[in-house]
Amino acid sequence: MAAARPLHVIVLASMTAHTGNSVTAARYKAHAEALGATCDVVAAQEGGEALKACVAAAAGRAVTVLGIHAFRAGSLMLDLPDSVDCVTVLSGETLPCQGVPPGDRVRPGHAARVFKAAAGTDMNHYASDPDRAALMGRVLDRSRAVVAMSQPMADACAAMLASLGKPPMVVEVIPQAVLLEPEASGPAGPGLTGALSVPPDSRVVLLPSGIRRVKRPAALILPLQRAAEVGGFALDAPLVLALVGPVLDAELAAEVDGCIASLGPGTEAPGPVAAAGGRGTAFVCCRVGAVERATLLSWMRDAACAAVANCSSAEGHPNAVVEAMARGCPVVVSGASGNRETVRHMVSGFVEESDDAMATRLAELARSGPPEGMLCAAWTDTAEGGRFSTSAERAAWGRVLLLPGTDTGASEGAGHVLAPGGQLDAMA
C-alpha cells in the first residue's frame, strides 16, 4: 500500500454573500476541517482557472472538489484533469442522482475526488432545458458518487436521468444541518422593530430569501394585508412583513418595490430598509437588503418576531427555515416538496397549500403564538441526534468522504481508503 497522503477539500459553490449556498459552503468547510481535512472555498464565479489553481496548489495531497450547483459549478468541474474523481452532491431544490454501484464508487488511481452539489435551480429550471440537462448528465457521469439533500431531489434526479436515456444511479440522502455560532456578545443592537423603524408593539413576519422568482418574494404582501385588516391589528401594533435578502434579480426587485409602494406611505427609514409601504396602517411591508447572518439569527429570536415564512414555488432544503426551527421561531411554509421534507405539518411548523392560507396562519401566529409543544418539536429536529443535527450531517459526510472513524464503504477494487489523520491511502 502506498504512503498515505493528506486530504484537501475544495468547496466549489455558485454563491453570493448572504445566500443559502454561502451558508452551506461555510458549513461544509467546517465539517471537512472537523473531520481532519484541510479545506478551501472557491466561488464558481471566479471561473475554472481559479479552481484549477486551487487544485494545483494542493499538489502532494489528495483533493476532493465538492461542488454546489450542478450546472454552474459542474461545468467548471468537467474541465478538471482525469485524475480528479468526481462525486456529485445535490443541494437545495436540486437535481438528485444516484451513483455508481458500491464497488465502483472510487476509481483506482484517481487521487482527487469531486463532489458535485446540484442546487435548486438545477432541477427546477435548468433540467427543463435540453442542453443544460445534457451538461448536467455529463457531470453526473463524471461523478464517483452522488449525495442529495432530500429524497424529492433524488427522485427528480432519477427522472432527469431517465429523460436523458441514462441508467439509474445510487444517491445518498444527507439532509442539511444547521450550524449556529454562539450568540455575539457586546452592545445590543436596535432590535428587530428598531431596525425596521416600526412601532415597538409590531408583530413581524420574516421572509428570508434572495430576490429571485423561485422564492416568490411578493406573494404574501397582499394576502397578509387582507389578513391584517380583518385580524385586529392596529396602527400602533401592526402586522409587518420583512423581506430579507440580497437582490439577485433587479427586474423582480423593481416589481416587488412597486407592490410595496401600492400599500401607501413608505417614508424613508434609516438602516437596512430598502423599501417600505403601509406605514401608519395595520399592515406594513419592508424590503430589507442583505444582512449579516448573525443579525438575521438574532431577529429570529427577537420577541417581536412572530414567525419565519417560506413561500417558494420550489425548494430543496431551506436553510433559513431550519435555522428558525433551531432558534425557537415558528415557521410557516408553502407546500413545495423540499418544505414538506423539512417541516412536519402541525408538529414542527405549518405547511400550507395557498398564499391566503399561509397569510391566515401567519396572522394567527402573530396574534396568539404557536400551539403548545410545537417549538419544542421543531427544536428537537435540529438538536443533537435530531433529523437536522450537525453531528448527523457531519457523520454522514465522514462516510462519504471516507474519513477516519467512519464506515469507509471500501470494497474490493476500490481505489482509496482514508486512514487516521485525514490521510488517503492508495490501495494496490
Protein backbone atom coordinates (compact mmCIF):
# COMPACT_ATOMS: atom_id res chain seq x y z
CA MET A 1 0.00 0.00 0.00
CA ALA A 2 1.36 3.41 -0.94
CA ALA A 3 2.16 6.03 1.66
CA ALA A 4 -0.84 7.95 2.93
CA ARG A 5 -1.43 11.48 1.70
CA PRO A 6 -3.36 14.22 3.50
CA LEU A 7 -6.81 15.09 2.21
CA HIS A 8 -7.62 18.59 0.99
CA VAL A 9 -11.25 19.54 0.26
CA ILE A 10 -12.20 22.33 -2.14
CA VAL A 11 -15.79 23.51 -1.76
CA LEU A 12 -16.85 24.93 -5.13
CA ALA A 13 -20.07 26.91 -4.85
CA SER A 14 -22.12 29.17 -7.09
CA MET A 15 -22.80 31.78 -4.46
CA THR A 16 -23.01 35.36 -3.38
CA ALA A 17 -22.77 36.64 0.18
CA HIS A 18 -25.77 36.16 2.48
CA THR A 19 -27.35 33.37 0.40
CA GLY A 20 -28.12 29.75 1.24
CA ASN A 21 -25.24 28.43 -0.85
CA SER A 22 -22.74 30.59 1.03
CA VAL A 23 -24.08 29.26 4.34
CA THR A 24 -23.89 25.69 3.06
CA ALA A 25 -20.34 26.17 1.76
CA ALA A 26 -19.20 27.50 5.14
CA ARG A 27 -20.82 24.57 6.92
CA TYR A 28 -19.22 22.02 4.59
CA LYS A 29 -15.85 23.66 5.22
CA ALA A 30 -16.41 23.34 8.96
CA HIS A 31 -17.31 19.66 8.54
CA ALA A 32 -14.23 18.91 6.43
CA GLU A 33 -11.90 20.58 8.91
CA ALA A 34 -13.56 18.89 11.89
CA LEU A 35 -13.11 15.56 10.11
CA GLY A 36 -9.37 16.09 9.78
CA ALA A 37 -9.03 17.53 6.27
CA THR A 38 -7.84 20.94 5.16
CA CYS A 39 -10.31 22.97 3.13
CA ASP A 40 -10.67 25.97 0.79
CA VAL A 41 -13.84 27.58 -0.58
CA VAL A 42 -13.89 28.74 -4.22
CA ALA A 43 -16.75 30.73 -5.74
CA ALA A 44 -17.82 29.37 -9.13
CA GLN A 45 -18.00 32.99 -10.32
CA GLU A 46 -14.19 33.10 -10.10
CA GLY A 47 -14.05 30.69 -13.04
CA GLY A 48 -12.33 27.48 -13.99
CA GLU A 49 -8.80 28.84 -13.81
CA ALA A 50 -9.25 29.73 -10.13
CA LEU A 51 -10.46 26.19 -9.46
CA LYS A 52 -7.53 24.64 -11.36
CA ALA A 53 -5.08 26.86 -9.50
CA CYS A 54 -6.53 25.71 -6.19
CA VAL A 55 -6.20 22.07 -7.25
CA ALA A 56 -2.61 22.67 -8.37
CA ALA A 57 -1.78 24.34 -5.06
CA ALA A 58 -2.77 21.14 -3.29
CA ALA A 59 -0.03 19.12 -5.02
CA GLY A 60 1.01 16.16 -2.92
CA ARG A 61 -2.39 15.91 -1.28
CA ALA A 62 -5.50 14.01 -2.31
CA VAL A 63 -8.03 16.61 -3.42
CA THR A 64 -11.80 16.39 -3.12
CA VAL A 65 -13.70 19.08 -5.01
CA LEU A 66 -17.16 19.38 -3.54
CA GLY A 67 -19.31 21.38 -5.94
CA ILE A 68 -22.55 23.13 -5.08
CA HIS A 69 -24.70 23.64 -8.18
CA ALA A 70 -24.73 21.01 -10.90
CA PHE A 71 -24.91 23.38 -13.83
CA ARG A 72 -22.76 26.33 -12.79
CA ALA A 73 -20.18 24.52 -10.68
CA GLY A 74 -20.45 21.31 -12.70
CA SER A 75 -19.50 22.99 -15.96
CA LEU A 76 -16.21 24.02 -14.32
CA MET A 77 -15.53 20.58 -12.90
CA LEU A 78 -15.85 18.97 -16.31
CA ASP A 79 -12.63 20.75 -17.27
CA LEU A 80 -10.61 19.22 -14.43
CA PRO A 81 -7.98 16.60 -15.35
CA ASP A 82 -8.91 12.94 -15.47
CA SER A 83 -7.06 12.35 -12.20
CA VAL A 84 -9.90 14.17 -10.45
CA ASP A 85 -12.55 11.67 -9.41
CA CYS A 86 -15.97 13.30 -9.31
CA VAL A 87 -18.74 12.79 -6.78
CA THR A 88 -21.98 14.77 -7.11
CA VAL A 89 -23.79 16.31 -4.14
CA LEU A 90 -27.30 17.55 -4.86
CA SER A 91 -28.25 20.55 -2.74
CA GLY A 92 -31.08 22.96 -2.42
CA GLU A 93 -34.02 22.28 -4.74
CA THR A 94 -31.67 20.34 -6.94
CA LEU A 95 -31.12 17.51 -9.14
CA PRO A 96 -30.67 14.29 -7.27
CA CYS A 97 -29.00 11.38 -8.69
CA GLN A 98 -27.78 8.06 -7.84
CA GLY A 99 -24.32 6.89 -8.03
CA VAL A 100 -22.39 4.03 -9.32
CA PRO A 101 -22.60 0.58 -7.73
CA PRO A 102 -20.85 0.43 -4.34
CA GLY A 103 -17.82 -1.44 -5.63
CA ASP A 104 -17.19 1.23 -8.26
CA ARG A 105 -17.59 4.24 -6.03
CA VAL A 106 -13.88 5.09 -6.05
CA ARG A 107 -11.88 4.68 -9.21
CA PRO A 108 -8.41 3.17 -8.82
CA GLY A 109 -5.62 5.64 -9.42
CA HIS A 110 -7.71 8.77 -9.02
CA ALA A 111 -6.19 10.99 -6.36
CA ALA A 112 -8.65 13.90 -6.38
CA ARG A 113 -12.36 13.43 -5.97
CA VAL A 114 -15.05 15.92 -6.99
CA PHE A 115 -18.29 16.00 -5.06
CA LYS A 116 -20.93 17.71 -7.19
CA ALA A 117 -23.68 19.52 -5.38
CA ALA A 118 -26.60 20.39 -7.61
CA ALA A 119 -28.51 23.37 -6.32
CA GLY A 120 -32.17 24.29 -6.55
CA THR A 121 -32.08 25.96 -9.92
CA ASP A 122 -30.69 22.80 -11.49
CA MET A 123 -33.77 20.61 -11.16
CA ASN A 124 -36.38 23.35 -11.04
CA HIS A 125 -35.19 25.28 -14.06
CA TYR A 126 -32.12 24.01 -15.88
CA ALA A 127 -33.30 20.37 -16.11
CA SER A 128 -36.14 21.51 -18.38
CA ASP A 129 -33.63 22.88 -20.90
CA PRO A 130 -32.33 20.00 -23.06
CA ASP A 131 -28.82 21.44 -23.50
CA ARG A 132 -28.37 22.24 -19.82
CA ALA A 133 -29.84 18.91 -18.78
CA ALA A 134 -27.39 17.14 -21.07
CA LEU A 135 -24.49 19.03 -19.49
CA MET A 136 -25.68 18.06 -16.02
CA GLY A 137 -25.95 14.48 -17.20
CA ARG A 138 -22.28 14.62 -18.19
CA VAL A 139 -21.41 15.99 -14.75
CA LEU A 140 -23.19 13.07 -13.12
CA ASP A 141 -21.45 10.61 -15.44
CA ARG A 142 -18.18 12.13 -14.28
CA SER A 143 -19.13 11.68 -10.62
CA ARG A 144 -17.84 8.99 -8.29
CA ALA A 145 -20.87 9.22 -6.03
CA VAL A 146 -23.92 11.40 -5.55
CA VAL A 147 -25.45 12.98 -2.44
CA ALA A 148 -28.87 14.68 -2.28
CA MET A 149 -30.22 16.88 0.49
CA SER A 150 -33.69 15.33 0.34
CA GLN A 151 -35.49 12.38 -1.19
CA PRO A 152 -37.50 14.56 -3.61
CA MET A 153 -34.18 15.75 -5.06
CA ALA A 154 -33.12 12.16 -5.56
CA ASP A 155 -36.43 11.37 -7.24
CA ALA A 156 -36.16 14.42 -9.51
CA CYS A 157 -32.65 13.43 -10.49
CA ALA A 158 -33.78 9.92 -11.36
CA ALA A 159 -36.48 11.40 -13.60
CA MET A 160 -33.96 13.64 -15.34
CA LEU A 161 -31.57 10.74 -15.92
CA ALA A 162 -34.41 8.67 -17.37
CA SER A 163 -35.32 11.52 -19.72
CA LEU A 164 -31.71 11.55 -20.91
CA GLY A 165 -31.79 7.78 -21.52
CA LYS A 166 -29.22 7.19 -18.78
CA PRO A 167 -29.27 4.29 -16.31
CA PRO A 168 -30.24 4.96 -12.69
CA MET A 169 -27.61 5.83 -10.13
CA VAL A 170 -27.35 5.39 -6.37
CA VAL A 171 -27.76 8.50 -4.25
CA GLU A 172 -27.15 9.02 -0.55
CA VAL A 173 -29.59 11.44 1.07
CA ILE A 174 -27.95 13.74 3.64
CA PRO A 175 -30.32 16.45 4.92
CA GLN A 176 -28.80 19.85 5.61
CA ALA A 177 -27.97 20.63 9.20
CA VAL A 178 -27.92 23.97 10.92
CA LEU A 179 -24.61 25.20 12.32
CA LEU A 180 -25.31 28.01 14.75
CA GLU A 181 -22.47 30.09 16.08
CA PRO A 182 -22.59 31.26 19.73
CA GLU A 183 -24.58 34.41 20.36
CA ALA A 184 -22.47 37.51 19.81
CA SER A 185 -21.54 39.46 22.90
CA GLY A 186 -21.20 43.20 23.18
CA PRO A 187 -23.62 46.13 22.94
CA ALA A 188 -27.14 45.19 21.90
CA GLY A 189 -28.38 46.40 18.52
CA PRO A 190 -31.61 48.30 17.93
CA GLY A 191 -33.70 45.13 17.91
CA LEU A 192 -35.99 43.99 15.12
CA THR A 193 -38.61 46.72 15.35
CA GLY A 194 -35.94 49.39 15.74
CA ALA A 195 -34.06 48.13 12.67
CA LEU A 196 -37.28 48.24 10.62
CA SER A 197 -38.44 51.58 12.11
CA VAL A 198 -41.86 50.17 13.01
CA PRO A 199 -43.80 50.60 16.28
CA PRO A 200 -42.35 48.67 19.25
CA ASP A 201 -45.51 46.55 19.58
CA SER A 202 -45.40 45.39 15.96
CA ARG A 203 -45.58 41.68 15.16
CA VAL A 204 -43.07 40.83 12.44
CA VAL A 205 -43.07 38.02 9.88
CA LEU A 206 -39.62 37.42 8.40
CA LEU A 207 -39.31 36.11 4.85
CA PRO A 208 -35.57 35.45 4.40
CA SER A 209 -34.62 34.86 0.76
CA GLY A 210 -32.78 36.38 -2.12
CA ILE A 211 -34.95 38.35 -4.52
CA ARG A 212 -35.45 35.81 -7.30
CA ARG A 213 -38.57 34.39 -8.89
CA VAL A 214 -38.49 30.88 -7.45
CA LYS A 215 -38.69 32.46 -3.97
CA ARG A 216 -41.87 34.45 -4.86
CA PRO A 217 -40.95 37.38 -2.58
CA ALA A 218 -44.11 39.41 -3.32
CA ALA A 219 -46.57 36.52 -2.97
CA LEU A 220 -47.57 37.21 0.64
CA ILE A 221 -47.79 41.00 0.52
CA LEU A 222 -51.45 41.42 -0.46
CA PRO A 223 -52.74 38.28 1.34
CA LEU A 224 -51.10 39.47 4.57
CA GLN A 225 -52.52 42.95 4.10
CA ARG A 226 -56.02 41.42 3.88
CA ALA A 227 -55.33 39.19 6.91
CA ALA A 228 -54.16 42.19 8.92
CA GLU A 229 -57.27 44.19 8.04
CA VAL A 230 -59.60 41.54 9.47
CA GLY A 231 -57.26 40.27 12.18
CA GLY A 232 -57.47 43.02 14.73
CA PHE A 233 -54.06 44.62 14.14
CA ALA A 234 -53.76 48.33 14.87
CA LEU A 235 -51.79 51.36 13.71
CA ASP A 236 -49.63 51.24 16.84
CA ALA A 237 -49.26 47.43 16.71
CA PRO A 238 -49.28 46.49 13.03
CA LEU A 239 -48.54 43.20 11.32
CA VAL A 240 -45.22 43.63 9.49
CA LEU A 241 -43.76 41.57 6.65
CA ALA A 242 -40.00 41.94 6.26
CA LEU A 243 -38.42 40.60 3.06
CA VAL A 244 -34.78 39.99 3.95
CA GLY A 245 -32.06 39.14 1.45
CA PRO A 246 -29.89 40.26 -1.45
CA VAL A 247 -31.24 41.32 -4.84
CA LEU A 248 -30.46 38.57 -7.36
CA ASP A 249 -32.95 39.78 -9.98
CA ALA A 250 -33.08 43.56 -10.40
CA GLU A 251 -36.21 43.46 -12.56
CA LEU A 252 -38.06 41.44 -9.93
CA ALA A 253 -36.85 43.78 -7.17
CA ALA A 254 -38.46 46.68 -9.03
CA GLU A 255 -41.72 44.74 -9.27
CA VAL A 256 -41.61 43.92 -5.54
CA ASP A 257 -40.90 47.56 -4.66
CA GLY A 258 -43.85 48.61 -6.83
CA CYS A 259 -46.15 46.24 -4.95
CA ILE A 260 -44.84 47.59 -1.63
CA ALA A 261 -45.38 51.18 -2.78
CA SER A 262 -49.01 50.38 -3.60
CA LEU A 263 -49.64 49.87 0.12
CA GLY A 264 -49.33 53.57 0.79
CA PRO A 265 -46.92 55.71 2.84
CA GLY A 266 -43.37 54.43 2.78
CA THR A 267 -41.33 57.10 4.48
CA GLU A 268 -37.57 56.78 4.30
CA ALA A 269 -36.11 54.79 7.15
CA PRO A 270 -32.51 54.57 8.34
CA GLY A 271 -30.62 51.30 8.47
CA PRO A 272 -31.18 48.27 6.24
CA VAL A 273 -34.66 49.07 4.87
CA ALA A 274 -34.52 49.47 1.08
CA ALA A 275 -38.26 49.95 0.51
CA ALA A 276 -41.30 50.28 2.76
CA GLY A 277 -45.03 50.72 2.36
CA GLY A 278 -48.10 50.90 4.54
CA ARG A 279 -46.53 52.89 7.38
CA GLY A 280 -49.26 54.26 9.64
CA THR A 281 -51.65 51.38 8.77
CA ALA A 282 -52.38 47.96 10.28
CA PHE A 283 -50.03 46.30 7.79
CA VAL A 284 -46.51 47.37 6.88
CA CYS A 285 -44.16 45.74 4.38
CA CYS A 286 -40.41 46.38 4.30
CA ARG A 287 -37.83 45.08 1.85
CA VAL A 288 -34.55 44.76 3.67
CA GLY A 289 -31.29 44.26 1.84
CA ALA A 290 -28.76 41.60 2.68
CA VAL A 291 -27.87 41.48 6.36
CA GLU A 292 -25.20 39.57 8.22
CA ARG A 293 -26.28 36.05 9.14
CA ALA A 294 -25.74 36.80 12.84
CA THR A 295 -28.18 39.71 12.53
CA LEU A 296 -30.83 37.56 10.84
CA LEU A 297 -30.49 34.86 13.50
CA SER A 298 -30.85 37.46 16.26
CA TRP A 299 -34.02 38.77 14.56
CA MET A 300 -35.46 35.25 14.58
CA ARG A 301 -35.07 35.22 18.36
CA ASP A 302 -36.39 38.73 18.85
CA ALA A 303 -39.61 38.95 20.87
CA ALA A 304 -41.24 40.91 18.03
CA CYS A 305 -40.73 38.08 15.52
CA ALA A 306 -43.99 36.17 15.11
CA ALA A 307 -42.78 33.65 12.52
CA VAL A 308 -40.45 32.88 9.63
CA ALA A 309 -42.13 32.21 6.27
CA ASN A 310 -41.07 30.46 3.07
CA CYS A 311 -43.44 30.72 0.07
CA SER A 312 -41.10 29.35 -2.62
CA SER A 313 -42.54 27.58 -5.63
CA ALA A 314 -39.74 25.01 -5.32
CA GLU A 315 -37.28 24.22 -2.57
CA GLY A 316 -34.59 21.68 -1.92
CA HIS A 317 -33.87 22.07 1.75
CA PRO A 318 -34.47 25.60 3.07
CA ASN A 319 -31.56 26.79 5.23
CA ALA A 320 -33.40 29.68 6.86
CA VAL A 321 -36.37 27.52 7.85
CA VAL A 322 -34.12 25.03 9.65
CA GLU A 323 -32.27 27.91 11.32
CA ALA A 324 -35.58 29.35 12.54
CA MET A 325 -36.60 25.95 13.95
CA ALA A 326 -33.30 25.77 15.81
CA ARG A 327 -33.81 29.30 17.14
CA GLY A 328 -37.26 28.52 18.54
CA CYS A 329 -39.14 30.57 15.97
CA PRO A 330 -42.43 29.30 14.44
CA VAL A 331 -42.29 28.51 10.71
CA VAL A 332 -44.97 28.59 8.01
CA VAL A 333 -44.05 27.25 4.58
CA SER A 334 -45.56 26.54 1.18
CA GLY A 335 -46.25 23.01 0.01
CA ALA A 336 -43.09 22.81 -2.14
CA SER A 337 -41.57 19.33 -1.82
CA GLY A 338 -38.41 20.45 -0.01
CA ASN A 339 -40.51 22.35 2.51
CA ARG A 340 -42.64 19.27 3.12
CA GLU A 341 -39.50 17.24 3.75
CA THR A 342 -38.32 19.79 6.31
CA VAL A 343 -41.44 20.81 8.24
CA ARG A 344 -43.81 18.33 9.85
CA HIS A 345 -47.24 19.96 9.48
CA MET A 346 -48.90 20.78 12.81
CA VAL A 347 -45.93 19.20 14.63
CA SER A 348 -42.80 21.27 13.97
CA GLY A 349 -44.49 24.01 11.93
CA PHE A 350 -47.16 24.62 9.32
CA VAL A 351 -47.27 23.59 5.66
CA GLU A 352 -49.95 25.48 3.74
CA GLU A 353 -51.18 24.98 0.18
CA SER A 354 -52.05 28.57 -0.78
CA ASP A 355 -50.81 32.10 -0.16
CA ASP A 356 -54.10 33.02 1.53
CA ALA A 357 -53.82 30.01 3.86
CA MET A 358 -50.24 30.99 4.69
CA ALA A 359 -51.31 34.57 5.41
CA THR A 360 -54.16 33.42 7.65
CA ARG A 361 -51.85 31.13 9.58
CA LEU A 362 -49.18 33.83 9.96
CA ALA A 363 -51.74 36.32 11.25
CA GLU A 364 -52.98 33.75 13.79
CA LEU A 365 -49.41 33.14 14.99
CA ALA A 366 -48.84 36.89 15.27
CA ARG A 367 -51.95 37.23 17.45
CA SER A 368 -51.80 34.07 19.56
CA GLY A 369 -48.42 32.38 19.19
CA PRO A 370 -47.74 28.74 18.26
CA PRO A 371 -49.56 25.70 19.70
CA GLU A 372 -48.11 24.20 22.84
CA GLY A 373 -45.23 21.83 22.13
CA MET A 374 -44.58 22.97 18.55
CA LEU A 375 -41.40 24.91 19.25
CA CYS A 376 -40.04 22.00 21.27
CA ALA A 377 -40.72 19.59 18.39
CA ALA A 378 -39.03 21.94 15.92
CA TRP A 379 -36.00 22.37 18.17
CA THR A 380 -35.75 18.60 18.67
CA ASP A 381 -35.42 18.10 14.91
CA THR A 382 -32.33 20.33 14.89
CA ALA A 383 -30.79 19.39 18.24
CA GLU A 384 -28.19 16.69 18.88
CA GLY A 385 -29.49 13.44 17.45
CA GLY A 386 -32.29 15.15 15.51
CA ARG A 387 -33.01 14.93 11.80
CA PHE A 388 -31.07 18.12 11.01
CA SER A 389 -28.37 17.96 13.68
CA THR A 390 -24.82 18.98 12.86
CA SER A 391 -23.47 15.70 14.24
CA ALA A 392 -25.72 13.64 11.96
CA GLU A 393 -24.71 15.61 8.85
CA ARG A 394 -21.02 15.51 9.78
CA ALA A 395 -21.07 11.76 10.40
CA ALA A 396 -22.77 11.17 7.05
CA TRP A 397 -20.19 13.33 5.28
CA GLY A 398 -17.49 11.40 7.08
CA ARG A 399 -18.79 8.23 5.45
CA VAL A 400 -18.96 9.87 2.02
CA LEU A 401 -15.53 11.44 2.31
CA LEU A 402 -14.13 8.15 3.65
CA LEU A 403 -12.63 9.87 6.66
CA PRO A 404 -11.21 8.09 9.73
CA GLY A 405 -13.54 6.79 12.38
CA THR A 406 -16.35 6.15 9.91
CA ASP A 407 -17.52 3.26 7.76
CA THR A 408 -15.38 3.76 4.66
CA GLY A 409 -17.59 1.63 2.46
CA ALA A 410 -14.40 0.40 0.80
CA SER A 411 -14.77 -2.80 -1.19
CA GLU A 412 -12.53 -4.91 -3.33
CA GLY A 413 -11.47 -2.84 -6.31
CA ALA A 414 -11.99 0.49 -4.57
CA GLY A 415 -9.13 2.86 -5.18
CA HIS A 416 -8.68 4.71 -1.89
CA VAL A 417 -9.44 4.48 1.79
CA LEU A 418 -8.82 7.14 4.42
CA ALA A 419 -6.59 6.35 7.35
CA PRO A 420 -6.35 8.18 10.72
CA GLY A 421 -5.40 11.84 10.50
CA GLY A 422 -7.25 12.54 7.27
CA GLN A 423 -4.78 10.54 5.21
CA LEU A 424 -5.77 8.87 1.96
CA ASP A 425 -4.09 5.57 1.20
CA ALA A 426 -3.86 4.42 -2.41
CA MET A 427 -4.79 0.77 -2.45
CA ALA A 428 -2.88 -1.63 -4.65
